[in-house]
Amino acid sequence: MRSGPGDVTILMATRAKPDNPTALRRLRHDLRTPLGHIIGYAEMLQEEVEERGLADLSPDLHHIQMAAKQLVDIVERVFETGPVAAQQERVTDTSAAPVAANPDGATAVEILRAATSSSGSVLIVDDEAGNRDLFARRLERHGYRVSVTPDGKSALHAIERGGFDVVVLDVLMPWMSGLEVLEAIRRTWSAAELPVIMATALDRSADTITALELGANDYVTKPIDFPVLIARVEAQLRLKRAAQQIESLARRLEIQSSFIRNTFGRYVSEEVVADLLEKPEGLDLRGERRTVTILMSDLRGFSSLTQILEPTQIVSLLNNFLGTMAQVIQAYHGTIDEFIGDAILAFFGAPVSRQDDAERAVACALAMQLAVPQVNEQNRRQGLPEIEMGIGIATGDVVVGNIGSEKRTKYGAVGSAVNLAARIEGYTLGGEILIDSRTREALGTLAGIESEREVHPKGFAEPLRIYQITALGGPHTLTLAAAREAFVELAETVPMRFVLLEGKHLSGELRFGQLRALSLRGAQLDADGPVDEMTDLRLEFADGKTAGSCYARVVASGETLTLRFTMRHPACADRLRQLREASSAP
């Protein structure tokens, strides 16, 4: 009486020592491996006969597969794992016809190939040469680039060289188990970077759970159901590609965030930058029309200072001034358009618009003037002259956006409101803030107005009314100290000569006058003829005993001109101080 395959299996199993789990696992593995080869090669041949139209061979191949699968079931029963567990990872119905069809008439082979629309690089790690050959053949038929290696050590060397998209890793291998290889892989590569599919004959064993805990992406059971394997390889490839796309999008987002930070980070507050990053749809760098409040500040007499200071002193003075003012502007959520030498152009209302843009602009201007003593204290410690600043503010419609060329761009504003703010600033004295009517209206009852007047700025057809603001109520509550000029009559008048200025240039012939009174920041001069209010002058001592010039603006005209100094040469300033102190002495 001949023994069947089930008897042989039972005989071999009973010879294994029941108290040696490792031996039983190896025996189970060795029994299933050749059966898996038979099933796998039969499935591969099944695909080929379908492709070549050799349908008469298909039933025989199907019977071979069924017989091998029955033997697998017998092995499972012997080792008390049960055929149901062994079939959980399978998609092939053992009672079905050799070629299954979907409702659209596509065969299983066509469905599988439709699912694997793109190739990838797969590393097969298995100590069985037959498994490696079978895995490679099946995967290569479906467009994958396949490399094989027989053990864990060589697999880690291959992975170190790189180039693999997915690893199919056998669990039960000599010298170094698949679990040890997986653990080593995960020390360097994450599950998203290098997916690993474990191939195990122990589908419900603790090894499978351990593999998943160690970072395995998925697993398949032996004998391998290749449509399942290929589908899971493709699923991991798709997940990896999705992760790469997400990473690429994240890099692009970081690049955009970096661009926004680099574009605005040095010119606006951190809060504004964060708002732009959170709501990028609110930012249109291509250009848009906005209602903004423009702030223009400028130092009085800085051009003359550049003629008497060393380059390093000029840079230090500017850094002291601009650094302090930039901090103030950012604190009030303003955007610095640019530094123009000693001038600052900033605006409120772009790239982020707020309801209180005009109010914050005026509050910022007051805070800037209040910060000037801090700058001057720093200048004194460095042996630099004190400074004074004027600020002009205008509200209007401008175009804001990314302005420039491919090589150099900046986020800036263009429009008549920018020009108007510059013109208004030109009317200021040191320490003053002048605003236009639209800004005044926006402030309402919060504004503390010192004075107002009508001016005729160059480039504007109609006269404009401007307002000197010294305080702001509401949440800001800022006030400038009152500047009262106490003039001291000189014991004797001092002859002076002066020239009128048109902008930065001398205008007209040399004029003469007598200096009759001095204050800390101004003078009274009996001139040889009338001079209009708001005219700028360059003055010198007529006796030639004092080097350098003083610059002043006429703040009140008449027979005696009331002047406000805008810049004084050190030698000229010293003599004026001596004259004032001598006349003040009892």
Protein backbone atom coordinates (compact mmCIF):
# COMPACT_ATOMS: atom_id res chain seq x y z
CA MET A 1 0.00 0.00 0.00
CA ARG A 2 1.49 3.32 -1.14
CA SER A 3 1.56 6.28 1.19
CA GLY A 4 0.00 9.59 0.06
CA PRO A 5 1.61 12.97 0.44
CA GLY A 6 -0.35 13.58 3.61
CA ASP A 7 1.11 10.43 5.21
CA VAL A 8 4.64 11.54 4.34
CA THR A 9 3.97 14.95 5.87
CA ILE A 10 2.58 13.42 9.05
CA LEU A 11 5.53 11.05 9.32
CA MET A 12 8.02 13.90 8.98
CA ALA A 13 6.18 16.06 11.45
CA THR A 14 6.02 13.34 14.09
CA ARG A 15 9.77 12.88 13.86
CA ALA A 16 10.34 16.54 14.86
CA LYS A 17 10.92 17.09 18.53
CA PRO A 18 7.75 18.63 19.94
CA ASP A 19 9.77 20.51 22.55
CA ASN A 20 11.84 22.31 19.88
CA PRO A 21 9.69 25.12 18.40
CA THR A 22 12.52 26.32 16.15
CA ALA A 23 12.87 22.90 14.55
CA LEU A 24 9.12 22.71 13.98
CA ARG A 25 9.10 26.16 12.37
CA ARG A 26 11.96 25.20 10.08
CA LEU A 27 10.23 21.94 9.14
CA ARG A 28 6.99 23.75 8.40
CA HIS A 29 8.90 26.29 6.33
CA ASP A 30 10.75 23.57 4.40
CA LEU A 31 7.51 21.71 3.64
CA ARG A 32 5.67 24.80 2.43
CA THR A 33 8.51 26.25 0.34
CA PRO A 34 8.48 23.71 -2.56
CA LEU A 35 4.70 23.75 -2.58
CA GLY A 36 4.85 27.52 -2.91
CA HIS A 37 7.22 27.12 -5.86
CA ILE A 38 4.77 24.78 -7.57
CA ILE A 39 1.85 27.15 -7.03
CA GLY A 40 3.84 30.19 -8.10
CA TYR A 41 5.26 28.71 -11.28
CA ALA A 42 1.85 27.24 -12.15
CA GLU A 43 0.27 30.71 -11.76
CA MET A 44 2.98 32.27 -13.91
CA LEU A 45 2.45 29.63 -16.59
CA GLN A 46 -1.29 30.22 -16.28
CA GLU A 47 -0.73 33.88 -17.18
CA GLU A 48 1.41 32.93 -20.17
CA VAL A 49 -1.12 30.47 -21.61
CA GLU A 50 -3.83 33.10 -21.23
CA GLU A 51 -1.68 35.61 -23.12
CA ARG A 52 -0.78 33.12 -25.88
CA GLY A 53 -4.27 31.75 -26.30
CA LEU A 54 -3.37 28.20 -25.20
CA ALA A 55 -6.58 27.65 -23.32
CA ASP A 56 -6.37 23.84 -23.60
CA LEU A 57 -3.42 23.88 -21.15
CA SER A 58 -5.19 25.99 -18.57
CA PRO A 59 -7.20 23.17 -16.87
CA ASP A 60 -4.07 21.08 -16.27
CA LEU A 61 -2.26 24.02 -14.72
CA HIS A 62 -5.28 24.70 -12.59
CA HIS A 63 -5.31 21.10 -11.33
CA ILE A 64 -1.60 21.39 -10.46
CA GLN A 65 -2.29 24.53 -8.45
CA MET A 66 -5.23 22.93 -6.65
CA ALA A 67 -3.21 19.85 -5.75
CA ALA A 68 -0.37 21.95 -4.35
CA LYS A 69 -2.81 24.05 -2.36
CA GLN A 70 -4.41 20.93 -0.91
CA LEU A 71 -1.00 19.78 0.23
CA VAL A 72 -0.46 23.18 1.88
CA ASP A 73 -3.75 22.67 3.72
CA ILE A 74 -2.58 19.25 4.91
CA VAL A 75 0.67 20.76 6.20
CA GLU A 76 -1.32 23.41 8.04
CA ARG A 77 -3.59 20.81 9.62
CA VAL A 78 -0.60 18.80 10.77
CA PHE A 79 0.93 21.85 12.41
CA GLU A 80 -2.46 22.83 13.84
CA THR A 81 -2.66 26.21 12.22
CA GLY A 82 -5.78 25.45 10.23
CA PRO A 83 -6.54 25.98 6.58
CA VAL A 84 -8.75 28.97 7.24
CA ALA A 85 -5.85 30.96 8.73
CA ALA A 86 -3.60 29.92 5.89
CA GLN A 87 -6.13 31.25 3.40
CA GLN A 88 -6.79 34.65 5.00
CA GLU A 89 -4.17 36.37 2.89
CA ARG A 90 -5.26 34.66 -0.34
CA VAL A 91 -7.47 36.09 -3.07
CA THR A 92 -7.70 32.98 -5.27
CA ASP A 93 -10.82 30.89 -4.69
CA THR A 94 -9.71 27.21 -4.85
CA SER A 95 -13.11 26.20 -6.16
CA ALA A 96 -13.25 28.82 -8.86
CA ALA A 97 -12.49 28.45 -12.53
CA PRO A 98 -8.85 28.95 -13.57
CA VAL A 99 -9.61 32.34 -15.10
CA ALA A 100 -11.93 34.65 -13.19
CA ALA A 101 -13.76 37.41 -14.99
CA ASN A 102 -15.14 40.69 -13.70
CA PRO A 103 -18.46 42.13 -14.83
CA ASP A 104 -16.69 44.07 -17.60
CA GLY A 105 -15.10 40.93 -18.98
CA ALA A 106 -11.50 41.68 -17.87
CA THR A 107 -9.45 38.71 -16.73
CA ALA A 108 -7.59 38.63 -13.41
CA VAL A 109 -4.33 39.17 -15.30
CA GLU A 110 -5.72 42.30 -16.99
CA ILE A 111 -7.04 43.66 -13.70
CA LEU A 112 -3.68 43.10 -12.03
CA ARG A 113 -1.73 44.77 -14.80
CA ALA A 114 -4.10 47.71 -14.82
CA ALA A 115 -3.38 48.18 -11.12
CA THR A 116 0.40 48.20 -11.62
CA SER A 117 0.53 51.22 -13.88
CA SER A 118 4.11 52.17 -13.10
CA SER A 119 7.30 50.34 -12.24
CA GLY A 120 9.56 50.52 -9.25
CA SER A 121 12.71 48.93 -7.88
CA VAL A 122 12.17 45.93 -5.57
CA LEU A 123 14.73 44.07 -3.46
CA ILE A 124 13.90 40.41 -2.70
CA VAL A 125 15.58 38.97 0.40
CA ASP A 126 15.14 35.20 0.77
CA ASP A 127 17.51 32.35 1.57
CA GLU A 128 15.70 29.97 -0.83
CA ALA A 129 17.06 30.22 -4.39
CA GLY A 130 13.74 28.96 -5.78
CA ASN A 131 11.83 31.69 -3.96
CA ARG A 132 14.19 34.38 -5.22
CA ASP A 133 13.87 33.14 -8.80
CA LEU A 134 10.11 32.87 -8.63
CA PHE A 135 9.63 36.27 -6.98
CA ALA A 136 11.92 37.94 -9.50
CA ARG A 137 10.22 36.35 -12.50
CA ARG A 138 6.72 37.29 -11.36
CA LEU A 139 7.58 40.87 -10.45
CA GLU A 140 9.64 41.47 -13.58
CA ARG A 141 6.70 40.31 -15.69
CA HIS A 142 4.75 43.20 -14.26
CA GLY A 143 7.32 45.87 -15.02
CA TYR A 144 9.34 45.97 -11.80
CA ARG A 145 13.11 46.20 -11.62
CA VAL A 146 14.12 43.37 -9.29
CA SER A 147 17.30 42.64 -7.33
CA VAL A 148 17.72 39.55 -5.16
CA THR A 149 19.95 38.73 -2.21
CA PRO A 150 20.18 35.50 -0.16
CA ASP A 151 20.69 36.79 3.39
CA GLY A 152 20.27 39.71 5.74
CA LYS A 153 23.87 40.95 5.71
CA SER A 154 24.07 41.24 1.93
CA ALA A 155 20.60 42.82 1.93
CA LEU A 156 21.74 45.60 4.28
CA HIS A 157 24.80 46.25 2.10
CA ALA A 158 22.55 46.48 -0.98
CA ILE A 159 20.12 48.81 0.78
CA GLU A 160 23.00 50.99 1.96
CA ARG A 161 23.96 51.55 -1.68
CA GLY A 162 20.41 52.76 -2.25
CA GLY A 163 18.07 52.77 -5.21
CA PHE A 164 15.26 50.51 -3.90
CA ASP A 165 11.63 51.52 -3.59
CA VAL A 166 10.32 48.43 -1.76
CA VAL A 167 11.90 45.50 0.10
CA VAL A 168 10.23 42.07 0.23
CA LEU A 169 11.86 40.40 3.21
CA ASP A 170 11.60 36.78 4.32
CA VAL A 171 11.18 36.32 8.07
CA LEU A 172 12.80 32.91 8.55
CA MET A 173 16.43 33.08 7.38
CA PRO A 174 19.64 31.60 8.83
CA TRP A 175 22.32 33.67 10.61
CA MET A 176 20.28 36.86 10.56
CA SER A 177 16.50 36.69 10.68
CA GLY A 178 14.22 38.96 8.70
CA LEU A 179 13.11 40.62 11.93
CA GLU A 180 16.73 41.53 12.73
CA VAL A 181 17.18 42.89 9.21
CA LEU A 182 13.98 44.93 9.55
CA GLU A 183 15.13 46.36 12.86
CA ALA A 184 18.44 47.40 11.28
CA ILE A 185 16.65 49.00 8.31
CA ARG A 186 14.39 51.06 10.54
CA ARG A 187 17.34 52.52 12.39
CA THR A 188 18.17 54.43 9.19
CA TRP A 189 15.09 54.51 6.96
CA SER A 190 11.56 55.29 7.98
CA ALA A 191 8.56 53.27 6.81
CA ALA A 192 7.70 56.08 4.37
CA GLU A 193 11.23 56.26 2.96
CA LEU A 194 11.69 52.50 2.42
CA PRO A 195 8.58 50.30 2.67
CA VAL A 196 9.19 46.69 3.80
CA ILE A 197 6.80 43.81 3.12
CA MET A 198 7.46 40.73 5.25
CA ALA A 199 7.03 37.28 3.69
CA THR A 200 6.16 34.73 6.34
CA ALA A 201 4.82 31.21 6.55
CA LEU A 202 3.50 32.01 10.01
CA ASP A 203 0.58 34.25 9.20
CA ARG A 204 -0.89 34.30 12.70
CA SER A 205 2.35 34.00 14.61
CA ALA A 206 3.95 36.39 17.01
CA ASP A 207 6.56 37.06 14.29
CA THR A 208 3.97 38.86 12.20
CA ILE A 209 2.94 41.05 15.11
CA THR A 210 6.58 41.73 15.99
CA ALA A 211 7.34 42.65 12.38
CA LEU A 212 4.53 45.20 12.33
CA GLU A 213 5.68 46.61 15.67
CA LEU A 214 9.23 46.93 14.32
CA GLY A 215 7.99 48.99 11.38
CA ALA A 216 6.98 46.56 8.64
CA ASN A 217 4.55 48.21 6.22
CA ASP A 218 2.71 45.01 5.31
CA TYR A 219 3.09 41.24 5.12
CA VAL A 220 2.18 38.29 2.87
CA THR A 221 2.06 34.60 3.71
CA LYS A 222 3.72 31.66 2.04
CA PRO A 223 3.00 30.06 -0.29
CA ILE A 224 2.83 33.47 -1.90
CA ASP A 225 -0.35 34.47 -3.68
CA PHE A 226 1.36 36.64 -6.28
CA PRO A 227 -1.60 38.83 -7.22
CA VAL A 228 -1.72 39.73 -3.52
CA LEU A 229 2.03 40.36 -3.39
CA ILE A 230 2.04 42.50 -6.50
CA ALA A 231 -1.01 44.45 -5.34
CA ARG A 232 0.68 45.12 -1.98
CA VAL A 233 3.96 46.12 -3.60
CA GLU A 234 2.06 48.54 -5.81
CA ALA A 235 0.12 49.86 -2.79
CA GLN A 236 3.37 50.58 -0.95
CA LEU A 237 4.80 52.27 -4.04
CA ARG A 238 1.75 54.48 -4.28
CA LEU A 239 2.00 55.36 -0.60
CA LYS A 240 5.68 56.15 -1.02
CA ARG A 241 4.99 58.33 -4.06
CA ALA A 242 2.23 60.10 -2.13
CA ALA A 243 4.63 60.69 0.77
CA GLN A 244 7.22 62.04 -1.68
CA GLN A 245 4.62 64.36 -3.20
CA ILE A 246 3.63 65.57 0.25
CA GLU A 247 7.29 66.14 1.07
CA SER A 248 7.73 68.01 -2.21
CA LEU A 249 4.69 70.16 -1.44
CA ALA A 250 6.07 70.77 2.04
CA ARG A 251 9.38 71.89 0.54
CA ARG A 252 7.54 74.18 -1.86
CA LEU A 253 5.53 75.57 1.03
CA GLU A 254 8.72 76.10 2.99
CA ILE A 255 10.24 77.88 -0.03
CA GLN A 256 7.16 80.10 -0.25
CA SER A 257 7.26 80.71 3.49
CA SER A 258 10.95 81.51 3.27
CA PHE A 259 10.25 83.92 0.40
CA ILE A 260 7.59 85.69 2.44
CA ARG A 261 9.88 85.86 5.48
CA ASN A 262 12.83 87.09 3.38
CA THR A 263 10.61 89.61 1.59
CA PHE A 264 8.80 90.95 4.62
CA GLY A 265 10.61 89.66 7.71
CA ARG A 266 12.99 92.61 7.99
CA TYR A 267 10.35 95.23 7.19
CA VAL A 268 7.15 94.19 8.98
CA SER A 269 6.30 92.74 12.36
CA GLU A 270 6.42 89.02 13.12
CA GLU A 271 2.65 89.12 13.55
CA VAL A 272 2.18 90.36 9.98
CA VAL A 273 4.53 87.68 8.63
CA ALA A 274 2.62 85.00 10.54
CA ASP A 275 -0.65 86.33 9.16
CA LEU A 276 0.70 86.16 5.61
CA LEU A 277 1.88 82.59 6.11
CA GLU A 278 -1.46 81.57 7.62
CA LYS A 279 -3.55 83.26 4.93
CA PRO A 280 -1.41 83.39 1.76
CA GLU A 281 -4.52 83.91 -0.37
CA GLY A 282 -4.71 87.44 1.07
CA LEU A 283 -1.39 88.37 -0.51
CA ASP A 284 -1.22 89.34 -4.17
CA LEU A 285 2.35 90.21 -5.12
CA ARG A 286 1.35 90.93 -8.71
CA GLY A 287 -0.11 94.28 -7.72
CA GLU A 288 -3.37 95.53 -6.26
CA ARG A 289 -4.97 98.82 -5.38
CA ARG A 290 -5.17 99.53 -1.66
CA THR A 291 -6.06 102.43 0.60
CA VAL A 292 -3.03 102.89 2.81
CA THR A 293 -1.52 105.49 5.11
CA ILE A 294 1.98 106.56 4.06
CA LEU A 295 4.60 107.70 6.58
CA MET A 296 7.71 109.57 5.43
CA SER A 297 10.40 110.61 7.89
CA ASP A 298 13.64 112.47 7.30
CA LEU A 299 16.47 113.84 9.40
CA ARG A 300 16.96 117.58 9.43
CA GLY A 301 20.31 118.72 8.00
CA PHE A 302 21.71 115.23 7.41
CA SER A 303 23.18 116.15 4.03
CA SER A 304 25.33 118.77 5.69
CA LEU A 305 26.41 116.33 8.39
CA THR A 306 27.82 114.02 5.73
CA GLN A 307 30.27 116.78 4.78
CA ILE A 308 31.81 117.05 8.25
CA LEU A 309 31.62 113.47 9.59
CA GLU A 310 33.86 110.54 8.78
CA PRO A 311 32.27 107.70 6.75
CA THR A 312 32.33 105.36 9.74
CA GLN A 313 30.61 108.02 11.86
CA ILE A 314 27.90 108.51 9.22
CA VAL A 315 27.22 104.78 9.12
CA SER A 316 27.10 104.57 12.91
CA LEU A 317 24.73 107.50 13.14
CA LEU A 318 22.43 106.02 10.49
CA ASN A 319 22.46 102.59 12.10
CA ASN A 320 21.55 104.07 15.48
CA PHE A 321 18.67 105.98 13.93
CA LEU A 322 17.33 103.44 11.43
CA GLY A 323 17.66 100.49 13.79
CA THR A 324 15.62 102.18 16.49
CA MET A 325 12.96 103.46 14.08
CA ALA A 326 12.57 100.10 12.34
CA GLN A 327 11.73 98.50 15.67
CA VAL A 328 9.11 101.16 16.37
CA ILE A 329 7.51 100.76 12.92
CA GLN A 330 7.32 96.99 13.30
CA ALA A 331 5.79 97.35 16.75
CA TYR A 332 2.91 99.26 15.13
CA HIS A 333 2.58 96.70 12.30
CA GLY A 334 3.86 98.99 9.60
CA THR A 335 5.62 97.90 6.42
CA ILE A 336 8.95 99.54 5.64
CA ASP A 337 9.07 100.24 1.93
CA GLU A 338 12.69 101.37 1.97
CA PHE A 339 15.43 103.39 3.63
CA ILE A 340 16.45 106.30 1.42
CA GLY A 341 19.65 107.46 3.03
CA ASP A 342 18.43 109.06 6.23
CA ALA A 343 14.77 108.94 5.15
CA ILE A 344 12.27 106.17 5.89
CA LEU A 345 9.26 105.36 3.73
CA ALA A 346 6.71 103.11 5.43
CA PHE A 347 3.05 102.36 4.93
CA PHE A 348 0.15 100.96 6.92
CA GLY A 349 -2.55 98.89 5.22
CA ALA A 350 -0.52 96.47 3.10
CA PRO A 351 0.20 93.65 2.77
CA VAL A 352 -2.31 93.25 5.63
CA SER A 353 -5.13 95.76 5.84
CA ARG A 354 -6.64 96.76 9.19
CA GLN A 355 -9.40 99.15 10.16
CA ASP A 356 -7.07 101.30 12.26
CA ASP A 357 -4.28 101.78 9.68
CA ALA A 358 -4.32 105.60 9.85
CA GLU A 359 -4.51 105.58 13.64
CA ARG A 360 -1.56 103.19 13.93
CA ALA A 361 0.47 105.27 11.47
CA VAL A 362 0.04 108.41 13.57
CA ALA A 363 0.70 106.50 16.80
CA CYS A 364 3.85 105.13 15.18
CA ALA A 365 4.99 108.65 14.21
CA LEU A 366 4.49 109.88 17.77
CA ALA A 367 6.41 106.88 19.13
CA MET A 368 9.22 107.55 16.65
CA GLN A 369 9.56 111.15 17.83
CA LEU A 370 9.49 109.98 21.44
CA ALA A 371 12.34 107.58 20.62
CA VAL A 372 14.64 110.31 19.25
CA PRO A 373 16.09 111.17 22.71
CA GLN A 374 17.10 107.51 23.02
CA VAL A 375 18.92 107.74 19.69
CA ASN A 376 20.63 110.97 20.72
CA GLU A 377 21.78 109.46 23.99
CA GLN A 378 23.39 106.66 21.99
CA ASN A 379 24.94 109.21 19.64
CA ARG A 380 26.41 111.17 22.54
CA ARG A 381 28.07 108.06 23.95
CA GLN A 382 29.71 107.52 20.55
CA GLY A 383 30.76 111.15 20.08
CA LEU A 384 28.18 111.74 17.34
CA PRO A 385 25.96 114.81 16.87
CA GLU A 386 22.34 114.84 17.98
CA ILE A 387 19.62 114.54 15.36
CA GLU A 388 16.14 115.87 14.75
CA MET A 389 13.48 114.29 12.57
CA GLY A 390 10.39 115.48 10.74
CA ILE A 391 7.51 113.17 9.75
CA GLY A 392 4.83 113.63 7.11
CA ILE A 393 1.75 111.39 6.83
CA ALA A 394 -0.85 111.06 4.06
CA THR A 395 -3.68 108.61 3.39
CA GLY A 396 -4.79 107.64 -0.10
CA ASP A 397 -5.12 104.99 -2.77
CA VAL A 398 -1.92 103.44 -4.08
CA VAL A 399 -0.85 100.35 -5.98
CA VAL A 400 1.12 97.89 -3.87
CA GLY A 401 2.92 94.80 -5.09
CA ASN A 402 6.18 93.17 -5.99
CA ILE A 403 8.00 95.88 -7.91
CA GLY A 404 11.29 95.54 -9.76
CA SER A 405 13.04 93.17 -12.13
CA GLU A 406 13.97 89.50 -12.15
CA LYS A 407 17.27 90.35 -10.47
CA ARG A 408 15.96 92.70 -7.79
CA THR A 409 12.45 93.10 -6.49
CA LYS A 410 10.79 94.58 -3.45
CA TYR A 411 7.31 94.91 -2.08
CA GLY A 412 6.44 98.57 -2.43
CA ALA A 413 3.77 101.20 -2.98
CA VAL A 414 3.27 103.59 -5.91
CA GLY A 415 0.80 106.45 -6.08
CA SER A 416 0.06 110.11 -5.38
CA ALA A 417 -0.30 109.44 -1.65
CA VAL A 418 3.39 108.54 -1.53
CA ASN A 419 4.31 111.82 -3.21
CA LEU A 420 1.97 113.76 -0.93
CA ALA A 421 3.52 112.28 2.23
CA ALA A 422 6.96 113.31 0.95
CA ARG A 423 5.75 116.85 0.22
CA ILE A 424 4.14 117.15 3.67
CA GLU A 425 7.32 115.91 5.33
CA GLY A 426 9.18 118.70 3.56
CA TYR A 427 7.18 121.24 5.57
CA THR A 428 8.14 119.75 8.94
CA LEU A 429 10.65 121.04 11.42
CA GLY A 430 12.64 118.80 13.68
CA GLY A 431 10.36 117.02 16.13
CA GLU A 432 7.17 117.80 14.16
CA ILE A 433 4.52 115.51 12.67
CA LEU A 434 2.28 116.86 9.93
CA ILE A 435 -0.71 114.97 8.49
CA ASP A 436 -3.12 115.51 5.59
CA SER A 437 -6.89 116.06 5.77
CA ARG A 438 -7.82 112.43 5.00
CA THR A 439 -5.68 111.17 7.85
CA ARG A 440 -7.11 113.85 10.11
CA GLU A 441 -10.65 112.69 9.29
CA ALA A 442 -9.75 109.06 10.02
CA LEU A 443 -8.52 110.00 13.51
CA GLY A 444 -11.73 111.77 14.52
CA THR A 445 -11.73 112.97 18.12
CA LEU A 446 -8.59 110.99 18.99
CA ALA A 447 -6.27 113.57 17.38
CA GLY A 448 -4.49 116.23 19.42
CA ILE A 449 -3.94 119.04 16.90
CA GLU A 450 -1.43 121.77 17.73
CA SER A 451 -1.96 123.89 14.59
CA GLU A 452 -3.10 123.77 10.98
CA ARG A 453 -2.26 125.67 7.85
CA GLU A 454 -2.75 125.75 4.11
CA VAL A 455 0.17 124.89 1.85
CA HIS A 456 0.80 124.75 -1.89
CA PRO A 457 3.03 121.72 -2.48
CA LYS A 458 4.84 121.34 -5.75
CA GLY A 459 3.09 119.00 -8.20
CA PHE A 460 -0.40 119.50 -6.72
CA ALA A 461 -2.89 121.78 -8.45
CA GLU A 462 -4.95 122.65 -5.40
CA PRO A 463 -3.78 124.00 -2.03
CA LEU A 464 -3.76 121.47 0.81
CA ARG A 465 -4.54 121.80 4.47
CA ILE A 466 -2.11 120.11 6.81
CA TYR A 467 -2.25 119.59 10.56
CA GLN A 468 0.46 119.44 13.19
CA ILE A 469 -0.37 116.61 15.56
CA THR A 470 1.16 116.33 19.02
CA ALA A 471 -1.06 113.76 20.75
CA LEU A 472 -3.30 110.77 20.11
CA GLY A 473 -5.97 109.39 22.41
CA GLY A 474 -7.71 106.05 22.45
CA PRO A 475 -5.75 102.86 23.07
CA HIS A 476 -2.39 104.49 22.28
CA THR A 477 -2.43 107.64 24.45
CA LEU A 478 0.78 109.25 23.22
CA THR A 479 1.77 112.89 23.70
CA LEU A 480 4.80 114.90 22.61
CA ALA A 481 6.31 117.30 25.08
CA ALA A 482 5.43 120.94 24.35
CA ALA A 483 8.32 122.76 22.71
CA ARG A 484 8.31 126.31 24.01
CA GLU A 485 10.99 128.57 22.61
CA ALA A 486 12.41 130.96 25.23
CA PHE A 487 14.47 133.55 23.38
CA VAL A 488 17.36 135.36 25.04
CA GLU A 489 18.12 138.86 23.77
CA LEU A 490 21.79 139.21 22.89
CA ALA A 491 23.79 141.96 24.54
CA GLU A 492 24.89 143.07 21.09
CA THR A 493 23.52 142.08 17.70
CA VAL A 494 25.82 139.90 15.61
CA PRO A 495 26.17 140.42 11.86
CA MET A 496 25.19 137.43 9.72
CA ARG A 497 25.04 136.66 6.03
CA PHE A 498 22.62 134.16 4.50
CA VAL A 499 21.41 132.64 1.26
CA LEU A 500 17.94 131.33 0.47
CA LEU A 501 17.62 127.62 -0.37
CA GLU A 502 15.42 126.09 -3.05
CA GLY A 503 15.21 122.48 -1.99
CA LYS A 504 18.83 121.41 -1.56
CA HIS A 505 20.22 124.19 -3.76
CA LEU A 506 21.21 127.80 -3.14
CA SER A 507 18.80 130.33 -4.61
CA GLY A 508 19.39 134.04 -5.11
CA GLU A 509 22.17 136.35 -4.04
CA LEU A 510 23.91 136.77 -0.73
CA ARG A 511 21.77 138.51 1.92
CA PHE A 512 22.63 140.16 5.29
CA GLY A 513 21.06 140.57 8.70
CA GLN A 514 21.66 141.07 12.41
CA LEU A 515 21.28 138.20 14.91
CA ARG A 516 19.39 139.66 17.87
CA ALA A 517 18.06 136.73 19.98
CA LEU A 518 18.71 132.99 20.51
CA SER A 519 16.90 130.01 21.97
CA LEU A 520 17.98 126.40 22.32
CA ARG A 521 16.73 125.55 18.82
CA GLY A 522 16.12 128.86 17.09
CA ALA A 523 17.02 132.48 16.53
CA GLN A 524 15.59 135.89 15.69
CA LEU A 525 17.17 137.75 12.79
CA ASP A 526 16.67 141.31 11.53
CA ALA A 527 17.04 140.74 7.78
CA ASP A 528 17.81 143.27 5.07
CA GLY A 529 14.48 142.55 3.41
CA PRO A 530 11.38 140.34 3.55
CA VAL A 531 11.67 136.54 3.46
CA ASP A 532 8.65 134.28 3.08
CA GLU A 533 7.59 131.93 5.81
CA MET A 534 8.77 128.28 5.44
CA THR A 535 11.84 129.42 3.47
CA ASP A 536 15.06 127.57 4.23
CA LEU A 537 18.29 129.55 4.81
CA ARG A 538 21.98 128.85 5.06
CA LEU A 539 23.60 131.26 7.54
CA GLU A 540 27.19 132.14 8.40
CA PHE A 541 28.82 134.57 10.81
CA ALA A 542 29.74 137.65 8.71
CA ASP A 543 32.91 138.43 10.70
CA GLY A 544 34.64 135.29 9.39
CA LYS A 545 35.71 134.23 12.89
CA THR A 546 33.64 131.02 12.88
CA ALA A 547 33.93 128.14 10.45
CA GLY A 548 30.96 126.28 9.11
CA SER A 549 27.35 127.15 8.47
CA CYS A 550 23.98 126.83 10.12
CA TYR A 551 20.77 125.88 8.35
CA ALA A 552 17.40 127.20 9.49
CA ARG A 553 13.81 127.60 8.39
CA VAL A 554 11.71 130.76 8.66
CA VAL A 555 8.76 129.91 10.93
CA ALA A 556 7.53 133.50 11.25
CA SER A 557 8.23 136.35 8.85
CA GLY A 558 8.06 140.14 9.24
CA GLU A 559 10.61 142.79 10.05
CA THR A 560 12.25 140.27 12.34
CA LEU A 561 12.46 136.68 11.12
CA THR A 562 11.91 133.87 13.59
CA LEU A 563 14.13 130.96 12.63
CA ARG A 564 14.21 127.30 13.60
CA PHE A 565 17.60 125.64 13.14
CA THR A 566 17.57 122.45 11.10
CA MET A 567 21.31 121.76 11.18
CA ARG A 568 24.33 123.41 12.82
CA HIS A 569 27.99 122.87 12.08
CA PRO A 570 29.80 122.07 15.38
CA ALA A 571 31.85 125.27 15.27
CA CYS A 572 28.79 127.34 14.44
CA ALA A 573 26.76 125.58 17.18
CA ASP A 574 29.50 126.27 19.74
CA ARG A 575 29.54 130.01 19.04
CA LEU A 576 25.72 130.22 19.16
CA ARG A 577 25.78 128.45 22.53
CA GLN A 578 28.45 130.82 23.86
CA LEU A 579 26.46 133.85 22.74
CA ARG A 580 23.29 132.54 24.38
CA GLU A 581 25.02 131.64 27.64
CA ALA A 582 26.83 134.99 27.80
CA SER A 583 23.55 136.87 27.30
CA SER A 584 21.77 134.71 29.90
CA ALA A 585 24.36 135.34 32.62
CA PRO A 586 23.21 137.81 35.32
